[in-house]
Amino acid sequence: MQKYKVFFNEKRIVFTSTRKITLRKPRLSFLDDPSTDSVLRWVETFVEGDITEAVIEHKSTDDLFNAFRLAFTEIDAAGGVVVRNNKLLFIFRNGKWDLPKGKIDDGETADVAAIREVEEECGISGHRIVKQLPSTFHIYKSPYKDNFGTWIFKETFWYEMGYTGELEGKPQLDEGISEVRWFAKNELHEVLENTYENLKQIIELYMD
């Protein structure tokens, strides 16, 4: 069963092929007409409404998900879950615990970008990729002048990284990061209480 979760702040849209999930919605007008206008009208209705989750059941989950994302301007990002001695590295940014990540530069591969972002945001070096983790997806309206108000679809490619160095890390202050901290797996509940919804599915992979 293929399933995709797309987040908007604390809300999420789930695309699935299962028949065991009850459909919750605003009316899914874009199922029959997955055009850009139809998708974005539905998204506006969803994000402005009271419900926090829409579960969309469709036999061609991949096709519908791909049609959905094509309605947006896409930006790719990459980040890392750094593990050392059974502890995970987190950053504190904008009042929440976060994982180091950032936009993939032109001509850069996702894995190289992930390594770079961890080094820049956490102040460590020598970390190495162990394996790729599931991507996360979220949507938002651009706050920047050059494309203000444009709907953005961001896929973040995640990698588990091993680190054997002795550096504790140094926050990249000019990126709004105020703290870098290592958390033992039995302390991850503290992170989950104050992090982003779309990161919880990654963090939960490491819960004891």
Foldseek 3Di string as FASTA:
>chain_A
DDKAWAADFQAIEIQEADPPDDFDADPQVCPVPLALVSLVVRVVVVVPDDDRYGYHHDNCRVVSVVSNQVSAAEFEKEAEFEDEPQWTKWWQAPNATHTFMDTADPPGDRQVRHQVRCCQFWVDDDKAFDAWDDKFWYWDADCDDVRGRGIYIYIYTYTYIYDHDDDQTDGNVVRRTDDMHIGHLQRCVVNVVGHTPRCPVVNVVSHD
